[in-house]
PDB file of N, CA and C in Angstrom:
ATOM      1  N   MET A   1     -78.388 -44.748  79.758  1.00  0.00           N
ATOM      2  CA  MET A   1     -77.745 -43.760  78.878  1.00  0.00           C
ATOM      3  C   MET A   1     -77.558 -42.436  79.570  1.00  0.00           C
ATOM      4  N   LYS A   2     -78.552 -42.108  80.387  1.00  0.00           N
ATOM      5  CA  LYS A   2     -78.392 -40.776  81.166  1.00  0.00           C
ATOM      6  C   LYS A   2     -77.167 -40.668  81.949  1.00  0.00           C
ATOM      7  N   LYS A   3     -76.819 -41.811  82.656  1.00  0.00           N
ATOM      8  CA  LYS A   3     -75.720 -41.890  83.569  1.00  0.00           C
ATOM      9  C   LYS A   3     -74.429 -41.832  82.736  1.00  0.00           C
ATOM     10  N   CYS A   4     -74.503 -42.473  81.510  1.00  0.00           N
ATOM     11  CA  CYS A   4     -73.264 -42.429  80.671  1.00  0.00           C
ATOM     12  C   CYS A   4     -73.021 -40.997  80.133  1.00  0.00           C
ATOM     13  N   LYS A   5     -74.065 -40.189  79.956  1.00  0.00           N
ATOM     14  CA  LYS A   5     -73.856 -38.888  79.506  1.00  0.00           C
ATOM     15  C   LYS A   5     -73.442 -37.934  80.636  1.00  0.00           C
ATOM     16  N   SER A   6     -73.840 -38.210  81.830  1.00  0.00           N
ATOM     17  CA  SER A   6     -73.480 -37.299  82.948  1.00  0.00           C
ATOM     18  C   SER A   6     -72.242 -37.587  83.620  1.00  0.00           C
ATOM     19  N   THR A   7     -71.680 -38.732  83.463  1.00  0.00           N
ATOM     20  CA  THR A   7     -70.468 -39.159  84.136  1.00  0.00           C
ATOM     21  C   THR A   7     -69.603 -40.008  83.216  1.00  0.00           C
ATOM     22  N   ASP A   8     -68.270 -39.654  83.198  1.00  0.00           N
ATOM     23  CA  ASP A   8     -67.358 -40.512  82.460  1.00  0.00           C
ATOM     24  C   ASP A   8     -66.822 -41.702  83.287  1.00  0.00           C
ATOM     25  N   HIS A   9     -67.027 -42.851  82.724  1.00  0.00           N
ATOM     26  CA  HIS A   9     -66.632 -44.103  83.475  1.00  0.00           C
ATOM     27  C   HIS A   9     -65.455 -44.680  82.821  1.00  0.00           C
ATOM     28  N   ASP A  10     -64.542 -45.348  83.477  1.00  0.00           N
ATOM     29  CA  ASP A  10     -63.364 -46.055  83.006  1.00  0.00           C
ATOM     30  C   ASP A  10     -63.784 -47.257  82.205  1.00  0.00           C
ATOM     31  N   VAL A  11     -64.773 -47.997  82.637  1.00  0.00           N
ATOM     32  CA  VAL A  11     -65.241 -49.261  82.041  1.00  0.00           C
ATOM     33  C   VAL A  11     -66.738 -49.335  82.216  1.00  0.00           C
ATOM     34  N   TYR A  12     -67.417 -49.873  81.100  1.00  0.00           N
ATOM     35  CA  TYR A  12     -68.850 -50.091  81.092  1.00  0.00           C
ATOM     36  C   TYR A  12     -68.995 -51.624  81.133  1.00  0.00           C
ATOM     37  N   ILE A  13     -69.745 -52.179  82.087  1.00  0.00           N
ATOM     38  CA  ILE A  13     -70.042 -53.603  82.176  1.00  0.00           C
ATOM     39  C   ILE A  13     -71.564 -53.769  81.832  1.00  0.00           C
ATOM     40  N   LEU A  14     -71.698 -54.405  80.692  1.00  0.00           N
ATOM     41  CA  LEU A  14     -73.113 -54.621  80.146  1.00  0.00           C
ATOM     42  C   LEU A  14     -73.409 -56.037  79.973  1.00  0.00           C
ATOM     43  N   ASP A  15     -74.670 -56.401  80.428  1.00  0.00           N
ATOM     44  CA  ASP A  15     -75.096 -57.765  80.125  1.00  0.00           C
ATOM     45  C   ASP A  15     -75.666 -57.683  78.653  1.00  0.00           C
ATOM     46  N   TYR A  16     -75.535 -58.729  77.950  1.00  0.00           N
ATOM     47  CA  TYR A  16     -76.124 -58.737  76.608  1.00  0.00           C
ATOM     48  C   TYR A  16     -77.607 -58.687  76.640  1.00  0.00           C
ATOM     49  N   MET A  17     -78.242 -59.463  77.464  1.00  0.00           N
ATOM     50  CA  MET A  17     -79.676 -59.555  77.595  1.00  0.00           C
ATOM     51  C   MET A  17     -80.155 -58.666  78.751  1.00  0.00           C
ATOM     52  N   MET A  18     -80.833 -57.491  78.371  1.00  0.00           N
ATOM     53  CA  MET A  18     -81.231 -56.607  79.356  1.00  0.00           C
ATOM     54  C   MET A  18     -82.757 -56.357  79.114  1.00  0.00           C
ATOM     55  N   PRO A  19     -83.528 -55.815  80.061  1.00  0.00           N
ATOM     56  CA  PRO A  19     -84.985 -55.677  79.846  1.00  0.00           C
ATOM     57  C   PRO A  19     -85.394 -54.724  78.720  1.00  0.00           C
ATOM     58  N   LYS A  20     -84.807 -53.506  78.691  1.00  0.00           N
ATOM     59  CA  LYS A  20     -85.298 -52.510  77.693  1.00  0.00           C
ATOM     60  C   LYS A  20     -84.593 -52.481  76.442  1.00  0.00           C
ATOM     61  N   MET A  21     -83.371 -52.834  76.393  1.00  0.00           N
ATOM     62  CA  MET A  21     -82.605 -52.886  75.166  1.00  0.00           C
ATOM     63  C   MET A  21     -81.382 -53.916  75.423  1.00  0.00           C
ATOM     64  N   LYS A  22     -80.923 -54.459  74.254  1.00  0.00           N
ATOM     65  CA  LYS A  22     -79.769 -55.391  74.432  1.00  0.00           C
ATOM     66  C   LYS A  22     -78.536 -54.628  74.606  1.00  0.00           C
ATOM     67  N   GLY A  23     -77.557 -55.335  75.255  1.00  0.00           N
ATOM     68  CA  GLY A  23     -76.304 -54.745  75.545  1.00  0.00           C
ATOM     69  C   GLY A  23     -75.527 -54.113  74.455  1.00  0.00           C
ATOM     70  N   ASP A  24     -75.674 -54.835  73.307  1.00  0.00           N
ATOM     71  CA  ASP A  24     -74.942 -54.290  72.088  1.00  0.00           C
ATOM     72  C   ASP A  24     -75.554 -52.984  71.551  1.00  0.00           C
ATOM     73  N   GLU A  25     -76.881 -52.840  71.694  1.00  0.00           N
ATOM     74  CA  GLU A  25     -77.555 -51.525  71.364  1.00  0.00           C
ATOM     75  C   GLU A  25     -77.038 -50.424  72.304  1.00  0.00           C
ATOM     76  N   LEU A  26     -76.987 -50.720  73.606  1.00  0.00           N
ATOM     77  CA  LEU A  26     -76.487 -49.692  74.526  1.00  0.00           C
ATOM     78  C   LEU A  26     -75.078 -49.333  74.283  1.00  0.00           C
ATOM     79  N   ALA A  27     -74.258 -50.446  73.995  1.00  0.00           N
ATOM     80  CA  ALA A  27     -72.805 -50.216  73.691  1.00  0.00           C
ATOM     81  C   ALA A  27     -72.694 -49.263  72.616  1.00  0.00           C
ATOM     82  N   ASN A  28     -73.390 -49.489  71.551  1.00  0.00           N
ATOM     83  CA  ASN A  28     -73.179 -48.735  70.268  1.00  0.00           C
ATOM     84  C   ASN A  28     -73.615 -47.268  70.611  1.00  0.00           C
ATOM     85  N   LYS A  29     -74.627 -46.983  71.403  1.00  0.00           N
ATOM     86  CA  LYS A  29     -75.012 -45.652  71.838  1.00  0.00           C
ATOM     87  C   LYS A  29     -73.837 -44.943  72.696  1.00  0.00           C
ATOM     88  N   ILE A  30     -73.358 -45.722  73.622  1.00  0.00           N
ATOM     89  CA  ILE A  30     -72.199 -45.270  74.412  1.00  0.00           C
ATOM     90  C   ILE A  30     -71.011 -44.918  73.573  1.00  0.00           C
ATOM     91  N   ILE A  31     -70.635 -45.756  72.705  1.00  0.00           N
ATOM     92  CA  ILE A  31     -69.398 -45.623  71.821  1.00  0.00           C
ATOM     93  C   ILE A  31     -69.717 -44.380  70.993  1.00  0.00           C
ATOM     94  N   GLU A  32     -70.800 -44.250  70.367  1.00  0.00           N
ATOM     95  CA  GLU A  32     -71.158 -42.999  69.514  1.00  0.00           C
ATOM     96  C   GLU A  32     -71.101 -41.819  70.324  1.00  0.00           C
ATOM     97  N   TYR A  33     -71.735 -41.738  71.485  1.00  0.00           N
ATOM     98  CA  TYR A  33     -71.710 -40.549  72.282  1.00  0.00           C
ATOM     99  C   TYR A  33     -70.289 -40.126  72.743  1.00  0.00           C
ATOM    100  N   LYS A  34     -69.592 -41.187  73.299  1.00  0.00           N
ATOM    101  CA  LYS A  34     -68.222 -40.828  73.785  1.00  0.00           C
ATOM    102  C   LYS A  34     -67.338 -40.459  72.682  1.00  0.00           C
ATOM    103  N   SER A  35     -67.446 -41.061  71.440  1.00  0.00           N
ATOM    104  CA  SER A  35     -66.489 -40.627  70.403  1.00  0.00           C
ATOM    105  C   SER A  35     -66.807 -39.290  69.915  1.00  0.00           C
ATOM    106  N   LEU A  36     -68.013 -38.809  69.930  1.00  0.00           N
ATOM    107  CA  LEU A  36     -68.347 -37.425  69.560  1.00  0.00           C
ATOM    108  C   LEU A  36     -67.767 -36.436  70.524  1.00  0.00           C
ATOM    109  N   HIS A  37     -67.438 -36.927  71.763  1.00  0.00           N
ATOM    110  CA  HIS A  37     -66.778 -36.000  72.742  1.00  0.00           C
ATOM    111  C   HIS A  37     -65.336 -36.389  72.969  1.00  0.00           C
ATOM    112  N   GLY A  38     -64.730 -37.100  72.085  1.00  0.00           N
ATOM    113  CA  GLY A  38     -63.317 -37.398  72.153  1.00  0.00           C
ATOM    114  C   GLY A  38     -62.900 -38.357  73.234  1.00  0.00           C
ATOM    115  N   LEU A  39     -63.800 -39.137  73.706  1.00  0.00           N
ATOM    116  CA  LEU A  39     -63.549 -40.028  74.877  1.00  0.00           C
ATOM    117  C   LEU A  39     -63.542 -41.504  74.392  1.00  0.00           C
ATOM    118  N   GLU A  40     -62.768 -42.281  75.136  1.00  0.00           N
ATOM    119  CA  GLU A  40     -62.701 -43.719  74.871  1.00  0.00           C
ATOM    120  C   GLU A  40     -63.872 -44.529  75.438  1.00  0.00           C
ATOM    121  N   SER A  41     -64.194 -45.681  74.828  1.00  0.00           N
ATOM    122  CA  SER A  41     -65.200 -46.522  75.479  1.00  0.00           C
ATOM    123  C   SER A  41     -64.475 -47.932  75.675  1.00  0.00           C
ATOM    124  N   LYS A  42     -64.610 -48.367  76.858  1.00  0.00           N
ATOM    125  CA  LYS A  42     -63.963 -49.688  77.250  1.00  0.00           C
ATOM    126  C   LYS A  42     -65.187 -50.476  77.857  1.00  0.00           C
ATOM    127  N   ILE A  43     -65.526 -51.491  77.070  1.00  0.00           N
ATOM    128  CA  ILE A  43     -66.706 -52.246  77.431  1.00  0.00           C
ATOM    129  C   ILE A  43     -66.371 -53.690  77.743  1.00  0.00           C
ATOM    130  N   ILE A  44     -67.065 -54.222  78.789  1.00  0.00           N
ATOM    131  CA  ILE A  44     -67.046 -55.616  79.145  1.00  0.00           C
ATOM    132  C   ILE A  44     -68.422 -56.091  79.053  1.00  0.00           C
ATOM    133  N   PHE A  45     -68.670 -57.104  78.149  1.00  0.00           N
ATOM    134  CA  PHE A  45     -69.951 -57.767  78.022  1.00  0.00           C
ATOM    135  C   PHE A  45     -70.033 -59.031  78.884  1.00  0.00           C
ATOM    136  N   LEU A  46     -71.269 -59.219  79.429  1.00  0.00           N
ATOM    137  CA  LEU A  46     -71.487 -60.511  80.207  1.00  0.00           C
ATOM    138  C   LEU A  46     -72.576 -61.174  79.417  1.00  0.00           C
ATOM    139  N   THR A  47     -72.424 -62.466  79.164  1.00  0.00           N
ATOM    140  CA  THR A  47     -73.401 -63.187  78.463  1.00  0.00           C
ATOM    141  C   THR A  47     -73.431 -64.630  78.853  1.00  0.00           C
ATOM    142  N   GLY A  48     -74.631 -65.191  78.803  1.00  0.00           N
ATOM    143  CA  GLY A  48     -74.766 -66.608  79.037  1.00  0.00           C
ATOM    144  C   GLY A  48     -74.981 -67.384  77.696  1.00  0.00           C
ATOM    145  N   ARG A  49     -74.845 -66.678  76.623  1.00  0.00           N
ATOM    146  CA  ARG A  49     -75.028 -67.301  75.319  1.00  0.00           C
ATOM    147  C   ARG A  49     -73.704 -67.292  74.569  1.00  0.00           C
ATOM    148  N   ARG A  50     -73.200 -68.477  74.574  1.00  0.00           N
ATOM    149  CA  ARG A  50     -71.900 -68.701  73.909  1.00  0.00           C
ATOM    150  C   ARG A  50     -71.892 -68.251  72.446  1.00  0.00           C
ATOM    151  N   GLU A  51     -72.973 -68.394  71.715  1.00  0.00           N
ATOM    152  CA  GLU A  51     -73.048 -68.031  70.300  1.00  0.00           C
ATOM    153  C   GLU A  51     -72.843 -66.515  70.006  1.00  0.00           C
ATOM    154  N   PHE A  52     -72.967 -65.744  71.085  1.00  0.00           N
ATOM    155  CA  PHE A  52     -72.763 -64.237  70.927  1.00  0.00           C
ATOM    156  C   PHE A  52     -71.395 -63.723  71.221  1.00  0.00           C
ATOM    157  N   VAL A  53     -70.586 -64.636  71.747  1.00  0.00           N
ATOM    158  CA  VAL A  53     -69.208 -64.122  72.201  1.00  0.00           C
ATOM    159  C   VAL A  53     -68.337 -63.455  71.134  1.00  0.00           C
ATOM    160  N   ASP A  54     -68.253 -64.110  69.978  1.00  0.00           N
ATOM    161  CA  ASP A  54     -67.471 -63.573  68.844  1.00  0.00           C
ATOM    162  C   ASP A  54     -68.010 -62.209  68.344  1.00  0.00           C
ATOM    163  N   TYR A  55     -69.289 -62.239  68.211  1.00  0.00           N
ATOM    164  CA  TYR A  55     -70.093 -60.998  67.795  1.00  0.00           C
ATOM    165  C   TYR A  55     -69.763 -59.842  68.819  1.00  0.00           C
ATOM    166  N   LEU A  56     -69.860 -60.047  70.062  1.00  0.00           N
ATOM    167  CA  LEU A  56     -69.760 -59.023  71.093  1.00  0.00           C
ATOM    168  C   LEU A  56     -68.384 -58.458  71.166  1.00  0.00           C
ATOM    169  N   LYS A  57     -67.413 -59.267  70.831  1.00  0.00           N
ATOM    170  CA  LYS A  57     -65.993 -58.811  70.910  1.00  0.00           C
ATOM    171  C   LYS A  57     -65.771 -57.609  70.017  1.00  0.00           C
ATOM    172  N   ASN A  58     -66.492 -57.466  68.899  1.00  0.00           N
ATOM    173  CA  ASN A  58     -66.270 -56.363  67.971  1.00  0.00           C
ATOM    174  C   ASN A  58     -67.421 -55.378  67.848  1.00  0.00           C
ATOM    175  N   VAL A  59     -68.367 -55.331  68.829  1.00  0.00           N
ATOM    176  CA  VAL A  59     -69.439 -54.447  68.702  1.00  0.00           C
ATOM    177  C   VAL A  59     -68.899 -52.980  68.681  1.00  0.00           C
ATOM    178  N   GLY A  60     -69.430 -52.180  67.836  1.00  0.00           N
ATOM    179  CA  GLY A  60     -69.037 -50.746  67.734  1.00  0.00           C
ATOM    180  C   GLY A  60     -67.670 -50.527  67.121  1.00  0.00           C
ATOM    181  N   GLY A  61     -67.122 -51.574  66.576  1.00  0.00           N
ATOM    182  CA  GLY A  61     -65.768 -51.446  65.856  1.00  0.00           C
ATOM    183  C   GLY A  61     -64.614 -51.210  66.820  1.00  0.00           C
ATOM    184  N   ILE A  62     -64.836 -51.566  68.093  1.00  0.00           N
ATOM    185  CA  ILE A  62     -63.766 -51.595  69.023  1.00  0.00           C
ATOM    186  C   ILE A  62     -63.655 -53.024  69.665  1.00  0.00           C
ATOM    187  N   PHE A  63     -62.504 -53.215  70.351  1.00  0.00           N
ATOM    188  CA  PHE A  63     -62.279 -54.497  70.998  1.00  0.00           C
ATOM    189  C   PHE A  63     -62.999 -54.514  72.329  1.00  0.00           C
ATOM    190  N   ASN A  64     -63.889 -55.360  72.550  1.00  0.00           N
ATOM    191  CA  ASN A  64     -64.610 -55.508  73.845  1.00  0.00           C
ATOM    192  C   ASN A  64     -64.215 -56.816  74.518  1.00  0.00           C
ATOM    193  N   ARG A  65     -64.139 -56.783  75.781  1.00  0.00           N
ATOM    194  CA  ARG A  65     -63.902 -58.020  76.584  1.00  0.00           C
ATOM    195  C   ARG A  65     -65.230 -58.669  76.721  1.00  0.00           C
ATOM    196  N   VAL A  66     -65.296 -59.989  76.671  1.00  0.00           N
ATOM    197  CA  VAL A  66     -66.554 -60.757  76.947  1.00  0.00           C
ATOM    198  C   VAL A  66     -66.373 -61.827  77.907  1.00  0.00           C
ATOM    199  N   LEU A  67     -67.268 -61.894  78.873  1.00  0.00           N
ATOM    200  CA  LEU A  67     -67.101 -62.872  79.911  1.00  0.00           C
ATOM    201  C   LEU A  67     -68.377 -63.753  79.803  1.00  0.00           C
ATOM    202  N   GLU A  68     -68.214 -65.079  79.800  1.00  0.00           N
ATOM    203  CA  GLU A  68     -69.351 -65.942  79.768  1.00  0.00           C
ATOM    204  C   GLU A  68     -69.879 -66.279  81.214  1.00  0.00           C
ATOM    205  N   LYS A  69     -71.174 -66.335  81.388  1.00  0.00           N
ATOM    206  CA  LYS A  69     -71.733 -66.635  82.691  1.00  0.00           C
ATOM    207  C   LYS A  69     -71.756 -68.194  82.875  1.00  0.00           C
ATOM    208  N   PRO A  70     -71.526 -68.651  84.026  1.00  0.00           N
ATOM    209  CA  PRO A  70     -71.479 -67.887  85.310  1.00  0.00           C
ATOM    210  C   PRO A  70     -70.038 -67.372  85.341  1.00  0.00           C
ATOM    211  N   ILE A  71     -69.952 -66.171  86.008  1.00  0.00           N
ATOM    212  CA  ILE A  71     -68.659 -65.458  86.084  1.00  0.00           C
ATOM    213  C   ILE A  71     -68.106 -65.472  87.509  1.00  0.00           C
ATOM    214  N   ARG A  72     -66.869 -65.837  87.557  1.00  0.00           N
ATOM    215  CA  ARG A  72     -66.230 -65.756  88.915  1.00  0.00           C
ATOM    216  C   ARG A  72     -65.803 -64.310  89.182  1.00  0.00           C
ATOM    217  N   ALA A  73     -65.858 -63.870  90.418  1.00  0.00           N
ATOM    218  CA  ALA A  73     -65.529 -62.472  90.807  1.00  0.00           C
ATOM    219  C   ALA A  73     -64.175 -62.148  90.311  1.00  0.00           C
ATOM    220  N   GLN A  74     -63.208 -63.124  90.584  1.00  0.00           N
ATOM    221  CA  GLN A  74     -61.706 -62.796  90.150  1.00  0.00           C
ATOM    222  C   GLN A  74     -61.688 -62.625  88.592  1.00  0.00           C
ATOM    223  N   ASP A  75     -62.453 -63.320  87.817  1.00  0.00           N
ATOM    224  CA  ASP A  75     -62.392 -63.114  86.388  1.00  0.00           C
ATOM    225  C   ASP A  75     -62.915 -61.692  86.104  1.00  0.00           C
ATOM    226  N   LEU A  76     -63.920 -61.222  86.663  1.00  0.00           N
ATOM    227  CA  LEU A  76     -64.440 -59.897  86.462  1.00  0.00           C
ATOM    228  C   LEU A  76     -63.426 -58.806  86.920  1.00  0.00           C
ATOM    229  N   ILE A  77     -62.824 -59.026  88.074  1.00  0.00           N
ATOM    230  CA  ILE A  77     -61.764 -58.098  88.524  1.00  0.00           C
ATOM    231  C   ILE A  77     -60.599 -58.002  87.496  1.00  0.00           C
ATOM    232  N   GLU A  78     -60.172 -59.101  87.066  1.00  0.00           N
ATOM    233  CA  GLU A  78     -59.065 -59.129  86.018  1.00  0.00           C
ATOM    234  C   GLU A  78     -59.403 -58.503  84.770  1.00  0.00           C
ATOM    235  N   ALA A  79     -60.768 -58.772  84.348  1.00  0.00           N
ATOM    236  CA  ALA A  79     -61.214 -58.079  83.108  1.00  0.00           C
ATOM    237  C   ALA A  79     -61.180 -56.646  83.234  1.00  0.00           C
ATOM    238  N   ILE A  80     -61.635 -56.122  84.314  1.00  0.00           N
ATOM    239  CA  ILE A  80     -61.731 -54.644  84.580  1.00  0.00           C
ATOM    240  C   ILE A  80     -60.285 -54.065  84.579  1.00  0.00           C
ATOM    241  N   ARG A  81     -59.388 -54.769  85.338  1.00  0.00           N
ATOM    242  CA  ARG A  81     -57.983 -54.216  85.370  1.00  0.00           C
ATOM    243  C   ARG A  81     -57.355 -54.250  83.955  1.00  0.00           C
ATOM    244  N   SER A  82     -57.625 -55.290  83.139  1.00  0.00           N
ATOM    245  CA  SER A  82     -56.974 -55.357  81.871  1.00  0.00           C
ATOM    246  C   SER A  82     -57.584 -54.219  80.933  1.00  0.00           C
ATOM    247  N   ARG A  83     -58.900 -53.883  81.057  1.00  0.00           N
ATOM    248  CA  ARG A  83     -59.501 -52.840  80.242  1.00  0.00           C
ATOM    249  C   ARG A  83     -58.999 -51.418  80.639  1.00  0.00           C
ATOM    250  N   ILE A  84     -58.746 -51.309  81.943  1.00  0.00           N
ATOM    251  CA  ILE A  84     -58.191 -50.027  82.400  1.00  0.00           C
ATOM    252  C   ILE A  84     -56.790 -49.803  81.976  1.00  0.00           C
ATOM    253  N   LYS A  85     -55.977 -50.829  81.956  1.00  0.00           N
ATOM    254  CA  LYS A  85     -54.545 -50.700  81.587  1.00  0.00           C
ATOM    255  C   LYS A  85     -54.313 -50.550  80.148  1.00  0.00           C
ATOM    256  N   GLN A  86     -55.165 -51.236  79.242  1.00  0.00           N
ATOM    257  CA  GLN A  86     -54.916 -51.331  77.918  1.00  0.00           C
ATOM    258  C   GLN A  86     -55.434 -50.130  77.164  1.00  0.00           C
ATOM    259  N   PRO A  87     -54.659 -49.621  76.146  1.00  0.00           N
ATOM    260  CA  PRO A  87     -55.233 -48.555  75.316  1.00  0.00           C
ATOM    261  C   PRO A  87     -56.381 -49.113  74.370  1.00  0.00           C
ATOM    262  N   GLN A  88     -57.155 -48.271  73.958  1.00  0.00           N
ATOM    263  CA  GLN A  88     -58.272 -48.718  73.179  1.00  0.00           C
ATOM    264  C   GLN A  88     -57.765 -49.249  71.706  1.00  0.00           C
ATOM    265  N   VAL A  89     -58.300 -50.289  71.301  1.00  0.00           N
ATOM    266  CA  VAL A  89     -57.915 -50.951  69.997  1.00  0.00           C
ATOM    267  C   VAL A  89     -59.113 -50.743  69.027  1.00  0.00           C
ATOM    268  N   ILE A  90     -58.861 -50.078  67.923  1.00  0.00           N
ATOM    269  CA  ILE A  90     -59.914 -49.983  66.940  1.00  0.00           C
ATOM    270  C   ILE A  90     -59.834 -51.073  65.914  1.00  0.00           C
ATOM    271  N   CYS A  91     -60.924 -51.708  65.623  1.00  0.00           N
ATOM    272  CA  CYS A  91     -61.003 -52.841  64.677  1.00  0.00           C
ATOM    273  C   CYS A  91     -61.332 -52.262  63.337  1.00  0.00           C
ATOM    274  N   ILE A  92     -60.614 -52.687  62.358  1.00  0.00           N
ATOM    275  CA  ILE A  92     -60.838 -52.133  60.972  1.00  0.00           C
ATOM    276  C   ILE A  92     -61.242 -53.296  60.032  1.00  0.00           C
TER     277      ILE A  92
END
């Protein structure tokens, strides 16, 4: 979170399962912080758990890209490119 506050990133790539907090928790913190400062959040989640895919797509009320592990490098590159090109979509 310290790096998210100190530098604006075009895309955040988060694994769902992380040691200190889950990716959705960090994503919600990033989204909240950035929205307070008028900035967009574009998130790509990585997960090895198929049952979390639909949930992760809508974390924080925004559209998130989700890639299932194992991930091919080309798929990650395409996901990053698509998130940079697309405007943010708000889910209502």
